[in-house]
């Protein structure tokens, strides 16, 4: 799941031609966290993920693993 999320964020950032530092500044998130999310590794907060998605105009959905 982390890899898919990271790929979506990376793709959208590239489409929008936004540098890590610009997304980070607009989302109030350190660029190293964005890099970690895009790589699909390490821990990060849902709050950071939501802020980044908001800047990139991406939808955030909660998935039910019980299905």
C-alpha atoms as a PDB file:
ATOM      1  CA  UNK A   1       0.000   0.000   0.000  1.00  0.00           C
ATOM      2  CA  UNK A   2       2.794   2.452   0.884  1.00  0.00           C
ATOM      3  CA  UNK A   3       4.464   1.958  -2.503  1.00  0.00           C
ATOM      4  CA  UNK A   4       1.217   2.729  -4.364  1.00  0.00           C
ATOM      5  CA  UNK A   5       0.597   5.878  -2.326  1.00  0.00           C
ATOM      6  CA  UNK A   6       4.156   7.041  -2.902  1.00  0.00           C
ATOM      7  CA  UNK A   7       3.943   6.410  -6.618  1.00  0.00           C
ATOM      8  CA  UNK A   8       0.710   8.421  -6.908  1.00  0.00           C
ATOM      9  CA  UNK A   9       2.208  11.357  -5.043  1.00  0.00           C
ATOM     10  CA  UNK A  10       5.431  11.226  -7.044  1.00  0.00           C
ATOM     11  CA  UNK A  11       3.559  11.026 -10.358  1.00  0.00           C
ATOM     12  CA  UNK A  12       1.280  13.935  -9.506  1.00  0.00           C
ATOM     13  CA  UNK A  13       4.183  16.053  -8.286  1.00  0.00           C
ATOM     14  CA  UNK A  14       6.039  15.404 -11.558  1.00  0.00           C
ATOM     15  CA  UNK A  15       2.956  16.158 -13.672  1.00  0.00           C
ATOM     16  CA  UNK A  16       2.593  19.458 -11.841  1.00  0.00           C
ATOM     17  CA  UNK A  17       6.349  20.056 -12.112  1.00  0.00           C
ATOM     18  CA  UNK A  18       6.625  20.831  -8.424  1.00  0.00           C
ATOM     19  CA  UNK A  19       9.914  20.399  -6.596  1.00  0.00           C
ATOM     20  CA  UNK A  20      10.009  18.596  -3.256  1.00  0.00           C
ATOM     21  CA  UNK A  21      10.836  21.822  -1.426  1.00  0.00           C
ATOM     22  CA  UNK A  22       7.859  23.628  -3.020  1.00  0.00           C
ATOM     23  CA  UNK A  23       5.367  20.920  -2.062  1.00  0.00           C
ATOM     24  CA  UNK A  24       6.925  20.802   1.381  1.00  0.00           C
ATOM     25  CA  UNK A  25       6.696  24.546   1.845  1.00  0.00           C
ATOM     26  CA  UNK A  26       3.062  24.679   0.694  1.00  0.00           C
ATOM     27  CA  UNK A  27       2.116  21.659   2.822  1.00  0.00           C
ATOM     28  CA  UNK A  28       4.241  22.683   5.825  1.00  0.00           C
ATOM     29  CA  UNK A  29       6.003  19.295   5.633  1.00  0.00           C
ATOM     30  CA  UNK A  30       9.740  18.640   5.457  1.00  0.00           C
ATOM     31  CA  UNK A  31      10.912  17.582   1.959  1.00  0.00           C
ATOM     32  CA  UNK A  32      12.630  14.540   3.487  1.00  0.00           C
ATOM     33  CA  UNK A  33       9.214  13.271   4.613  1.00  0.00           C
ATOM     34  CA  UNK A  34       7.809  13.684   1.108  1.00  0.00           C
ATOM     35  CA  UNK A  35      10.813  11.803  -0.244  1.00  0.00           C
ATOM     36  CA  UNK A  36      10.168   9.004   2.266  1.00  0.00           C
ATOM     37  CA  UNK A  37       6.498   8.802   1.294  1.00  0.00           C
ATOM     38  CA  UNK A  38       7.353   8.716  -2.420  1.00  0.00           C
ATOM     39  CA  UNK A  39       9.848   5.916  -1.773  1.00  0.00           C
ATOM     40  CA  UNK A  40       7.199   3.962   0.127  1.00  0.00           C
ATOM     41  CA  UNK A  41       9.482   3.556   3.110  1.00  0.00           C
ATOM     42  CA  UNK A  42       9.657   4.631   6.716  1.00  0.00           C
ATOM     43  CA  UNK A  43       7.006   6.088   8.949  1.00  0.00           C
ATOM     44  CA  UNK A  44       5.027   9.255   8.425  1.00  0.00           C
ATOM     45  CA  UNK A  45       1.871  10.721   9.861  1.00  0.00           C
ATOM     46  CA  UNK A  46      -1.541  10.703   8.254  1.00  0.00           C
ATOM     47  CA  UNK A  47      -1.591  14.445   8.907  1.00  0.00           C
ATOM     48  CA  UNK A  48       1.488  14.927   6.700  1.00  0.00           C
ATOM     49  CA  UNK A  49       0.005  12.735   3.992  1.00  0.00           C
ATOM     50  CA  UNK A  50      -3.269  14.696   3.999  1.00  0.00           C
ATOM     51  CA  UNK A  51      -1.421  18.034   3.783  1.00  0.00           C
ATOM     52  CA  UNK A  52       0.644  16.828   0.816  1.00  0.00           C
ATOM     53  CA  UNK A  53      -2.420  15.455  -0.968  1.00  0.00           C
ATOM     54  CA  UNK A  54      -4.217  18.752  -0.440  1.00  0.00           C
ATOM     55  CA  UNK A  55      -1.364  20.676  -2.078  1.00  0.00           C
ATOM     56  CA  UNK A  56      -1.347  18.250  -5.016  1.00  0.00           C
ATOM     57  CA  UNK A  57      -5.160  18.222  -5.219  1.00  0.00           C
ATOM     58  CA  UNK A  58      -5.317  14.465  -4.636  1.00  0.00           C
ATOM     59  CA  UNK A  59      -8.241  12.699  -2.992  1.00  0.00           C
ATOM     60  CA  UNK A  60      -7.618  10.979   0.340  1.00  0.00           C
ATOM     61  CA  UNK A  61      -9.736   7.892   0.933  1.00  0.00           C
ATOM     62  CA  UNK A  62      -9.938   5.581   3.904  1.00  0.00           C
ATOM     63  CA  UNK A  63      -9.844   1.940   2.916  1.00  0.00           C
ATOM     64  CA  UNK A  64     -11.596  -0.785   4.852  1.00  0.00           C
ATOM     65  CA  UNK A  65      -9.291  -3.819   5.065  1.00  0.00           C
ATOM     66  CA  UNK A  66     -12.164  -6.014   6.293  1.00  0.00           C
ATOM     67  CA  UNK A  67     -13.494  -6.413   2.750  1.00  0.00           C
END
